[in-house]
Amino acid sequence: MIPYLRFLAGRERTRESNRHLGFTLAFIAGAVNAGGFLAVSQYTSHMTGILSSIADNLALGQASLVFAGLSAWLAFVAGAVASAVLINWARRKKLQSQYALALMVEAILLLVFGLLGANLAAFVELFSPATVLLLCFVMGLQNAIITKLSSAEIRTTYMTGNTTDLGIELGKLFYWNRDEELSDRVIANREKLGIHAVMIGLFVFGRFLGALGFKRIGFSATIPLAVILFAIAVLPVFEDLSPSHSD
């Protein structure tokens, strides 16, 4: 188990480790999105929808909703900025936790959300705006992590790109090459097709479990997600904090 956790979040990256971490984060993103929607009736990683709502509400003269949408978008951007700063700082310092630091921050924020939300459920209307901002920040943070380490090959917080790429590969798969001897015949990348299918499946599965968990136990449903992220991130962070690394 320990070697696998180091494989997931370690500084040295491979395509396989990127994919495995991407699968895990897609599941978590789905669960967080479901919890966020049930908590405040808003998806927190869908920036296309949020930007669209800003434009719509601006045209309708709904200033308060424009401000709310703009705040959510800026929170997502701030999360991505924070992730980039942490990753680049750790890279400059040659830390083992180059990517684990941002994952640890995400784990802490989800833990705070779960613990405080469980105790402040009676004041959910008062804390709804803060919940939206927190979850948008978390989603921006997470999306930037996987984008940085995979050189923009993997996205985990929204499935539009994955669905588009899946459709492209399916189109290649079903394409009829009249002459199989042609050098430029259309061939599907089955490995890529499988990756996108798994990513989408885990996101949907995460949404299902997240919605089920939030419905039954409320905000505390995010605590197991925080534990998963903590388990992934703790080894590289611990190695950097150990005296041997300081020496």
Protein backbone atom coordinates (compact mmCIF):
# COMPACT_ATOMS: atom_id res chain seq x y z
CA MET A 1 0.00 0.00 0.00
CA ILE A 2 2.76 2.47 0.95
CA PRO A 3 4.66 2.05 -2.35
CA TYR A 4 1.41 2.60 -4.25
CA LEU A 5 0.63 5.80 -2.33
CA ARG A 6 4.13 7.07 -3.06
CA PHE A 7 3.58 6.10 -6.69
CA LEU A 8 0.41 8.22 -6.79
CA ALA A 9 1.75 11.47 -5.33
CA GLY A 10 5.52 11.27 -5.63
CA ARG A 11 7.64 13.85 -7.42
CA GLU A 12 8.72 11.43 -10.14
CA ARG A 13 5.82 11.08 -12.58
CA THR A 14 4.91 8.49 -15.19
CA ARG A 15 1.92 8.30 -17.50
CA GLU A 16 0.59 5.43 -15.42
CA SER A 17 0.90 7.28 -12.10
CA ASN A 18 -0.76 10.34 -13.65
CA ARG A 19 -3.68 8.23 -14.81
CA HIS A 20 -4.14 6.46 -11.50
CA LEU A 21 -4.10 9.76 -9.63
CA GLY A 22 -6.46 11.20 -12.24
CA PHE A 23 -8.91 8.34 -11.70
CA THR A 24 -8.86 8.93 -7.94
CA LEU A 25 -9.34 12.68 -8.30
CA ALA A 26 -12.16 12.23 -10.83
CA PHE A 27 -14.02 10.12 -8.27
CA ILE A 28 -13.43 12.76 -5.56
CA ALA A 29 -14.49 15.59 -7.87
CA GLY A 30 -17.74 13.80 -8.65
CA ALA A 31 -18.47 13.26 -4.97
CA VAL A 32 -17.63 16.88 -4.04
CA ASN A 33 -19.81 18.20 -6.86
CA ALA A 34 -22.74 16.11 -5.71
CA GLY A 35 -22.32 17.22 -2.11
CA GLY A 36 -22.02 20.84 -3.17
CA PHE A 37 -25.17 20.65 -5.25
CA LEU A 38 -27.18 19.07 -2.46
CA ALA A 39 -25.77 21.57 0.06
CA VAL A 40 -26.23 24.81 -1.87
CA SER A 41 -28.00 23.78 -5.11
CA GLN A 42 -25.03 24.72 -7.26
CA TYR A 43 -22.35 22.82 -9.14
CA THR A 44 -18.94 24.08 -8.13
CA SER A 45 -16.66 22.91 -10.94
CA HIS A 46 -18.78 23.81 -13.96
CA MET A 47 -17.18 27.12 -14.95
CA THR A 48 -18.92 27.13 -18.34
CA GLY A 49 -22.27 27.19 -16.58
CA ILE A 50 -21.16 29.79 -14.05
CA LEU A 51 -19.80 32.13 -16.74
CA SER A 52 -22.97 31.63 -18.76
CA SER A 53 -25.09 32.52 -15.74
CA ILE A 54 -23.01 35.67 -15.20
CA ALA A 55 -23.73 36.82 -18.75
CA ASP A 56 -27.44 35.88 -18.51
CA ASN A 57 -27.94 37.63 -15.19
CA LEU A 58 -26.03 40.66 -16.42
CA ALA A 59 -28.45 40.93 -19.35
CA LEU A 60 -31.40 40.52 -16.96
CA GLY A 61 -30.08 43.15 -14.59
CA GLN A 62 -29.70 40.73 -11.68
CA ALA A 63 -26.71 42.42 -10.06
CA SER A 64 -26.63 40.22 -6.95
CA LEU A 65 -26.55 37.03 -9.03
CA VAL A 66 -23.86 38.48 -11.28
CA PHE A 67 -21.76 39.19 -8.19
CA ALA A 68 -22.37 35.68 -6.84
CA GLY A 69 -21.36 34.06 -10.13
CA LEU A 70 -18.29 36.26 -10.49
CA SER A 71 -17.24 35.42 -6.93
CA ALA A 72 -17.56 31.69 -7.62
CA TRP A 73 -15.50 32.02 -10.81
CA LEU A 74 -12.80 34.03 -9.03
CA ALA A 75 -12.68 31.43 -6.24
CA PHE A 76 -12.04 28.70 -8.84
CA VAL A 77 -9.31 30.83 -10.41
CA ALA A 78 -7.81 31.50 -6.98
CA GLY A 79 -7.68 27.75 -6.31
CA ALA A 80 -5.81 27.19 -9.58
CA VAL A 81 -3.44 30.05 -8.74
CA ALA A 82 -2.75 28.62 -5.27
CA SER A 83 -2.07 25.19 -6.75
CA ALA A 84 0.36 26.59 -9.33
CA VAL A 85 2.19 28.62 -6.68
CA LEU A 86 2.55 25.61 -4.37
CA ILE A 87 3.71 23.29 -7.14
CA ASN A 88 6.23 25.74 -8.61
CA TRP A 89 7.58 26.63 -5.15
CA ALA A 90 8.01 22.95 -4.24
CA ARG A 91 9.61 22.27 -7.63
CA ARG A 92 12.10 25.10 -7.07
CA LYS A 93 12.93 23.66 -3.63
CA LYS A 94 13.21 20.14 -5.14
CA LEU A 95 10.72 18.76 -2.61
CA GLN A 96 9.25 15.28 -2.78
CA SER A 97 5.85 16.87 -2.08
CA GLN A 98 5.86 18.87 -5.32
CA TYR A 99 2.27 17.79 -6.02
CA ALA A 100 1.37 16.39 -2.61
CA LEU A 101 1.35 19.82 -0.95
CA ALA A 102 -1.63 20.98 -2.99
CA LEU A 103 -3.37 17.66 -2.38
CA MET A 104 -2.80 18.11 1.35
CA VAL A 105 -4.34 21.59 1.21
CA GLU A 106 -7.36 20.13 -0.59
CA ALA A 107 -7.66 17.41 2.07
CA ILE A 108 -7.58 20.00 4.88
CA LEU A 109 -10.20 22.20 3.21
CA LEU A 110 -12.55 19.25 2.63
CA LEU A 111 -12.06 18.17 6.24
CA VAL A 112 -12.91 21.67 7.47
CA PHE A 113 -15.94 21.72 5.19
CA GLY A 114 -17.12 18.36 6.52
CA LEU A 115 -16.55 19.12 10.21
CA LEU A 116 -17.87 22.68 10.23
CA GLY A 117 -20.75 21.89 7.90
CA ALA A 118 -21.90 19.07 10.16
CA ASN A 119 -21.95 21.43 13.14
CA LEU A 120 -23.39 24.44 11.32
CA ALA A 121 -26.13 22.67 9.38
CA ALA A 122 -28.75 24.82 11.10
CA PHE A 123 -27.12 27.92 9.60
CA VAL A 124 -26.80 26.52 6.09
CA GLU A 125 -28.49 29.53 4.48
CA LEU A 126 -26.08 31.91 6.18
CA PHE A 127 -23.02 29.92 5.16
CA SER A 128 -24.15 28.95 1.63
CA PRO A 129 -22.11 31.68 -0.11
CA ALA A 130 -18.98 30.66 1.82
CA THR A 131 -19.64 27.01 0.93
CA VAL A 132 -19.83 27.82 -2.78
CA LEU A 133 -16.59 29.80 -2.65
CA LEU A 134 -14.79 27.08 -0.68
CA LEU A 135 -15.83 24.27 -3.01
CA CYS A 136 -15.06 26.30 -6.15
CA PHE A 137 -11.61 27.03 -4.70
CA VAL A 138 -11.10 23.32 -3.99
CA MET A 139 -12.14 22.34 -7.51
CA GLY A 140 -9.83 24.94 -9.04
CA LEU A 141 -7.00 23.70 -6.84
CA GLN A 142 -7.56 20.08 -7.83
CA ASN A 143 -7.97 20.73 -11.52
CA ALA A 144 -4.71 22.69 -11.62
CA ILE A 145 -2.85 19.87 -9.84
CA ILE A 146 -3.71 17.21 -12.40
CA THR A 147 -3.34 19.66 -15.28
CA LYS A 148 0.19 20.60 -14.19
CA LEU A 149 1.45 17.08 -13.57
CA SER A 150 -0.07 15.61 -16.74
CA SER A 151 0.87 18.55 -19.00
CA ALA A 152 -2.82 19.27 -19.59
CA GLU A 153 -3.62 15.72 -20.77
CA ILE A 154 -5.99 14.96 -17.88
CA ARG A 155 -8.91 16.89 -16.41
CA THR A 156 -10.84 15.61 -13.40
CA THR A 157 -13.31 18.24 -12.20
CA TYR A 158 -15.49 18.41 -15.32
CA MET A 159 -16.26 15.86 -17.99
CA THR A 160 -16.87 17.96 -21.11
CA GLY A 161 -13.36 17.42 -22.45
CA ASN A 162 -13.32 13.73 -21.53
CA THR A 163 -16.71 13.21 -23.18
CA THR A 164 -15.57 15.01 -26.34
CA ASP A 165 -12.38 12.95 -26.54
CA LEU A 166 -14.37 9.78 -25.92
CA GLY A 167 -16.68 10.67 -28.80
CA ILE A 168 -13.72 11.36 -31.09
CA GLU A 169 -12.16 7.98 -30.37
CA LEU A 170 -15.51 6.22 -30.79
CA GLY A 171 -15.85 7.95 -34.15
CA LYS A 172 -12.44 6.58 -35.14
CA LEU A 173 -13.37 3.14 -33.82
CA PHE A 174 -16.54 2.93 -35.92
CA TYR A 175 -15.00 4.50 -38.99
CA TRP A 176 -15.01 2.13 -41.98
CA ASN A 177 -11.68 2.06 -43.74
CA ARG A 178 -12.44 0.83 -47.26
CA ASP A 179 -8.82 -0.04 -47.91
CA GLU A 180 -7.05 -1.55 -44.92
CA GLU A 181 -3.72 -1.25 -46.71
CA LEU A 182 -3.69 2.56 -46.72
CA SER A 183 -1.01 4.12 -44.51
CA ASP A 184 -3.32 6.95 -43.40
CA ARG A 185 -6.31 4.82 -42.43
CA VAL A 186 -8.30 5.93 -39.39
CA ILE A 187 -7.43 3.97 -36.26
CA ALA A 188 -8.88 4.51 -32.80
CA ASN A 189 -6.56 4.92 -29.84
CA ARG A 190 -8.12 2.20 -27.69
CA GLU A 191 -5.94 3.04 -24.71
CA LYS A 192 -7.09 6.67 -24.77
CA LEU A 193 -10.69 5.56 -25.26
CA GLY A 194 -10.48 3.35 -22.19
CA ILE A 195 -8.93 6.09 -20.07
CA HIS A 196 -11.68 8.58 -20.87
CA ALA A 197 -14.37 5.96 -20.29
CA VAL A 198 -12.93 5.08 -16.87
CA MET A 199 -12.55 8.76 -15.95
CA ILE A 200 -16.19 9.47 -16.81
CA GLY A 201 -17.37 6.32 -15.05
CA LEU A 202 -15.50 7.17 -11.84
CA PHE A 203 -16.78 10.75 -11.89
CA VAL A 204 -20.37 9.50 -12.21
CA PHE A 205 -19.80 6.84 -9.55
CA GLY A 206 -18.33 9.50 -7.26
CA ARG A 207 -21.36 11.70 -7.84
CA PHE A 208 -23.68 8.81 -6.98
CA LEU A 209 -21.88 7.95 -3.75
CA GLY A 210 -21.45 11.63 -2.86
CA ALA A 211 -25.14 12.33 -3.34
CA LEU A 212 -26.07 9.21 -1.38
CA GLY A 213 -23.64 10.02 1.42
CA PHE A 214 -24.70 13.65 1.70
CA LYS A 215 -28.36 12.67 1.70
CA ARG A 216 -27.80 10.25 4.58
CA ILE A 217 -25.12 11.89 6.75
CA GLY A 218 -24.89 15.45 5.43
CA PHE A 219 -21.68 17.47 5.28
CA SER A 220 -19.72 14.73 7.03
CA ALA A 221 -19.78 12.78 3.76
CA THR A 222 -16.76 14.82 2.65
CA ILE A 223 -14.63 13.57 5.55
CA PRO A 224 -13.81 10.19 3.90
CA LEU A 225 -12.78 12.10 0.77
CA ALA A 226 -10.43 14.20 2.87
CA VAL A 227 -8.99 11.04 4.41
CA ILE A 228 -8.29 9.57 0.96
CA LEU A 229 -6.48 12.73 -0.15
CA PHE A 230 -4.55 12.90 3.12
CA ALA A 231 -3.42 9.28 2.72
CA ILE A 232 -2.19 10.01 -0.81
CA ALA A 233 -0.34 13.20 0.15
CA VAL A 234 1.10 12.42 3.58
CA LEU A 235 4.16 10.34 2.59
CA PRO A 236 5.88 12.92 0.34
CA VAL A 237 5.08 15.69 2.84
CA PHE A 238 6.43 13.61 5.74
CA GLU A 239 9.62 12.87 3.80
CA ASP A 240 10.22 16.57 3.26
CA LEU A 241 9.64 17.30 6.95
CA SER A 242 11.97 14.54 8.14
CA PRO A 243 15.40 15.58 9.55
CA SER A 244 17.25 13.55 6.90
CA HIS A 245 15.75 15.74 4.17
CA SER A 246 16.71 18.93 5.99
CA ASP A 247 20.28 17.75 6.22
